[in-house]
Amino acid sequence: PQGLTLQVPITGMAAFNMSLYYDLRSPQIDLHLDQIFVQSQPVLHAFYPYFGWGGRVSFQNNQTLSNDGGLTGRIPIGLELGNSHLRGLLEVAPALKIIPALKLSVQGAIGLRYHF
């Protein structure tokens, strides 16, 4: 899926990550909201590891919380790379779909994030 992500700092080490994704293969919109804890100083000059918890709501075929859509809890674990405002990111998130039925999965993301 293609999408946009926004990170809003709460404190020096905590932030909210919000994401909006659209999947062109099967018309689906995903909304993510995660609270993360991120290393405020880089590790090895350019790496910013983070972890947190959050949720995802999926909408598909004009239905909310259907068999194709759903409500999912997730635990994002990631790494941002870069020393400027623009950083690359790599994220893996173990996830538990709660509605409409319990299902374990692993989600992932690769992308760019701009820090204002």
C-alpha atoms as a PDB file:
ATOM      1  CA  PRO A   1       0.000   0.000   0.000  1.00  0.00           C
ATOM      2  CA  GLN A   2       1.013   3.598  -0.573  1.00  0.00           C
ATOM      3  CA  GLY A   3       0.596   6.139   2.181  1.00  0.00           C
ATOM      4  CA  LEU A   4       1.487   9.132   4.250  1.00  0.00           C
ATOM      5  CA  THR A   5       2.871   9.130   7.765  1.00  0.00           C
ATOM      6  CA  LEU A   6       3.159  11.910  10.324  1.00  0.00           C
ATOM      7  CA  GLN A   7       5.106  11.877  13.580  1.00  0.00           C
ATOM      8  CA  VAL A   8       4.069  14.304  16.333  1.00  0.00           C
ATOM      9  CA  PRO A   9       6.504  14.581  19.278  1.00  0.00           C
ATOM     10  CA  ILE A  10       4.985  14.363  22.773  1.00  0.00           C
ATOM     11  CA  THR A  11       8.198  14.537  24.802  1.00  0.00           C
ATOM     12  CA  GLY A  12      11.892  14.188  23.973  1.00  0.00           C
ATOM     13  CA  MET A  13      11.542  10.403  23.758  1.00  0.00           C
ATOM     14  CA  ALA A  14       7.847   9.819  22.950  1.00  0.00           C
ATOM     15  CA  ALA A  15       5.770  10.575  19.872  1.00  0.00           C
ATOM     16  CA  PHE A  16       2.553   9.709  18.088  1.00  0.00           C
ATOM     17  CA  ASN A  17       2.850   8.150  14.623  1.00  0.00           C
ATOM     18  CA  MET A  18      -0.210   8.527  12.434  1.00  0.00           C
ATOM     19  CA  SER A  19      -0.482   6.871   9.033  1.00  0.00           C
ATOM     20  CA  LEU A  20      -2.973   6.754   6.193  1.00  0.00           C
ATOM     21  CA  TYR A  21      -2.497   4.026   3.570  1.00  0.00           C
ATOM     22  CA  TYR A  22      -4.371   3.105   0.411  1.00  0.00           C
ATOM     23  CA  ASP A  23      -3.940  -0.286  -1.232  1.00  0.00           C
ATOM     24  CA  LEU A  24      -4.363  -0.174  -5.029  1.00  0.00           C
ATOM     25  CA  ARG A  25      -4.508  -3.977  -5.382  1.00  0.00           C
ATOM     26  CA  SER A  26      -7.728  -4.275  -3.394  1.00  0.00           C
ATOM     27  CA  PRO A  27      -9.390  -0.929  -2.639  1.00  0.00           C
ATOM     28  CA  GLN A  28      -8.657  -0.591   1.053  1.00  0.00           C
ATOM     29  CA  ILE A  29      -7.872   2.309   3.380  1.00  0.00           C
ATOM     30  CA  ASP A  30      -5.878   1.744   6.583  1.00  0.00           C
ATOM     31  CA  LEU A  31      -5.574   4.236   9.435  1.00  0.00           C
ATOM     32  CA  HIS A  32      -2.811   3.688  12.012  1.00  0.00           C
ATOM     33  CA  LEU A  33      -2.221   5.466  15.314  1.00  0.00           C
ATOM     34  CA  ASP A  34       0.789   4.387  17.381  1.00  0.00           C
ATOM     35  CA  GLN A  35       2.474   5.795  20.462  1.00  0.00           C
ATOM     36  CA  ILE A  36       6.193   5.177  20.119  1.00  0.00           C
ATOM     37  CA  PHE A  37       9.251   5.638  22.263  1.00  0.00           C
ATOM     38  CA  VAL A  38      12.194   6.734  20.142  1.00  0.00           C
ATOM     39  CA  GLN A  39      15.863   7.170  20.988  1.00  0.00           C
ATOM     40  CA  SER A  40      16.404  10.958  21.093  1.00  0.00           C
ATOM     41  CA  GLN A  41      20.096  10.718  20.209  1.00  0.00           C
ATOM     42  CA  PRO A  42      21.297   8.607  17.278  1.00  0.00           C
ATOM     43  CA  VAL A  43      22.953   5.255  17.858  1.00  0.00           C
ATOM     44  CA  LEU A  44      26.115   4.792  15.765  1.00  0.00           C
ATOM     45  CA  HIS A  45      25.764   8.340  14.372  1.00  0.00           C
ATOM     46  CA  ALA A  46      22.623   7.795  12.279  1.00  0.00           C
ATOM     47  CA  PHE A  47      20.241   5.136  13.688  1.00  0.00           C
ATOM     48  CA  TYR A  48      17.146   5.981  15.746  1.00  0.00           C
ATOM     49  CA  PRO A  49      15.506   2.786  17.110  1.00  0.00           C
ATOM     50  CA  TYR A  50      11.916   2.895  18.387  1.00  0.00           C
ATOM     51  CA  PHE A  51       9.134   0.685  19.752  1.00  0.00           C
ATOM     52  CA  GLY A  52       5.592   1.250  20.956  1.00  0.00           C
ATOM     53  CA  TRP A  53       1.982   0.154  20.724  1.00  0.00           C
ATOM     54  CA  GLY A  54      -1.046   1.226  18.804  1.00  0.00           C
ATOM     55  CA  GLY A  55      -3.883   0.256  16.546  1.00  0.00           C
ATOM     56  CA  ARG A  56      -5.087   0.038  12.982  1.00  0.00           C
ATOM     57  CA  VAL A  57      -8.562   0.364  11.491  1.00  0.00           C
ATOM     58  CA  SER A  58      -9.127  -1.001   7.975  1.00  0.00           C
ATOM     59  CA  PHE A  59     -11.951  -0.065   5.623  1.00  0.00           C
ATOM     60  CA  GLN A  60     -12.613  -2.102   2.481  1.00  0.00           C
ATOM     61  CA  ASN A  61     -15.383  -2.034  -0.133  1.00  0.00           C
ATOM     62  CA  ASN A  62     -17.248   0.733   1.717  1.00  0.00           C
ATOM     63  CA  GLN A  63     -17.545  -1.480   4.812  1.00  0.00           C
ATOM     64  CA  THR A  64     -16.063  -0.961   8.235  1.00  0.00           C
ATOM     65  CA  LEU A  65     -15.022  -3.860  10.443  1.00  0.00           C
ATOM     66  CA  SER A  66     -16.136  -6.490   7.913  1.00  0.00           C
ATOM     67  CA  ASN A  67     -14.278  -9.713   7.127  1.00  0.00           C
ATOM     68  CA  ASP A  68     -11.940  -7.713   4.890  1.00  0.00           C
ATOM     69  CA  GLY A  69     -11.692  -4.696   7.168  1.00  0.00           C
ATOM     70  CA  GLY A  70     -11.136  -4.780  10.891  1.00  0.00           C
ATOM     71  CA  LEU A  71      -9.658  -3.475  14.096  1.00  0.00           C
ATOM     72  CA  THR A  72      -6.090  -4.535  14.926  1.00  0.00           C
ATOM     73  CA  GLY A  73      -3.772  -3.954  17.901  1.00  0.00           C
ATOM     74  CA  ARG A  74      -0.095  -3.717  16.993  1.00  0.00           C
ATOM     75  CA  ILE A  75       3.391  -3.400  18.530  1.00  0.00           C
ATOM     76  CA  PRO A  76       5.627  -1.433  16.118  1.00  0.00           C
ATOM     77  CA  ILE A  77       9.378  -1.986  16.365  1.00  0.00           C
ATOM     78  CA  GLY A  78      11.420   0.114  13.997  1.00  0.00           C
ATOM     79  CA  LEU A  79      14.547   1.901  12.989  1.00  0.00           C
ATOM     80  CA  GLU A  80      14.956   5.306  11.372  1.00  0.00           C
ATOM     81  CA  LEU A  81      18.162   6.016   9.452  1.00  0.00           C
ATOM     82  CA  GLY A  82      19.542   9.489   8.747  1.00  0.00           C
ATOM     83  CA  ASN A  83      20.900  12.635  10.354  1.00  0.00           C
ATOM     84  CA  SER A  84      18.723  15.210   8.640  1.00  0.00           C
ATOM     85  CA  HIS A  85      15.023  16.026   8.712  1.00  0.00           C
ATOM     86  CA  LEU A  86      14.415  13.328   6.094  1.00  0.00           C
ATOM     87  CA  ARG A  87      15.000   9.814   7.427  1.00  0.00           C
ATOM     88  CA  GLY A  88      14.468   6.363   5.996  1.00  0.00           C
ATOM     89  CA  LEU A  89      12.458   3.931   8.102  1.00  0.00           C
ATOM     90  CA  LEU A  90      12.112   0.197   8.483  1.00  0.00           C
ATOM     91  CA  GLU A  91       9.350  -1.174  10.736  1.00  0.00           C
ATOM     92  CA  VAL A  92       8.035  -4.590  11.774  1.00  0.00           C
ATOM     93  CA  ALA A  93       4.871  -4.876  13.867  1.00  0.00           C
ATOM     94  CA  PRO A  94       3.469  -8.048  15.397  1.00  0.00           C
ATOM     95  CA  ALA A  95      -0.310  -7.587  15.236  1.00  0.00           C
ATOM     96  CA  LEU A  96      -3.486  -9.118  16.658  1.00  0.00           C
ATOM     97  CA  LYS A  97      -6.676  -8.557  14.678  1.00  0.00           C
ATOM     98  CA  ILE A  98      -9.464  -8.156  17.226  1.00  0.00           C
ATOM     99  CA  ILE A  99     -12.560  -7.541  15.080  1.00  0.00           C
ATOM    100  CA  PRO A 100     -14.180  -9.362  13.306  1.00  0.00           C
ATOM    101  CA  ALA A 101     -12.150 -12.398  14.516  1.00  0.00           C
ATOM    102  CA  LEU A 102      -8.888 -13.024  16.334  1.00  0.00           C
ATOM    103  CA  LYS A 103      -5.949 -13.435  13.979  1.00  0.00           C
ATOM    104  CA  LEU A 104      -2.197 -13.037  14.523  1.00  0.00           C
ATOM    105  CA  SER A 105      -0.069 -11.477  11.792  1.00  0.00           C
ATOM    106  CA  VAL A 106       3.096  -9.475  11.180  1.00  0.00           C
ATOM    107  CA  GLN A 107       2.920  -6.092   9.474  1.00  0.00           C
ATOM    108  CA  GLY A 108       5.811  -4.129   8.024  1.00  0.00           C
ATOM    109  CA  ALA A 109       6.725  -0.797   6.492  1.00  0.00           C
ATOM    110  CA  ILE A 110       9.588   0.678   4.494  1.00  0.00           C
ATOM    111  CA  GLY A 111       9.578   4.364   3.684  1.00  0.00           C
ATOM    112  CA  LEU A 112      10.701   7.922   4.292  1.00  0.00           C
ATOM    113  CA  ARG A 113       9.681  10.194   7.152  1.00  0.00           C
ATOM    114  CA  TYR A 114      10.194  13.964   7.249  1.00  0.00           C
ATOM    115  CA  HIS A 115      10.728  15.545  10.695  1.00  0.00           C
ATOM    116  CA  PHE A 116       9.732  19.202  11.006  1.00  0.00           C
END
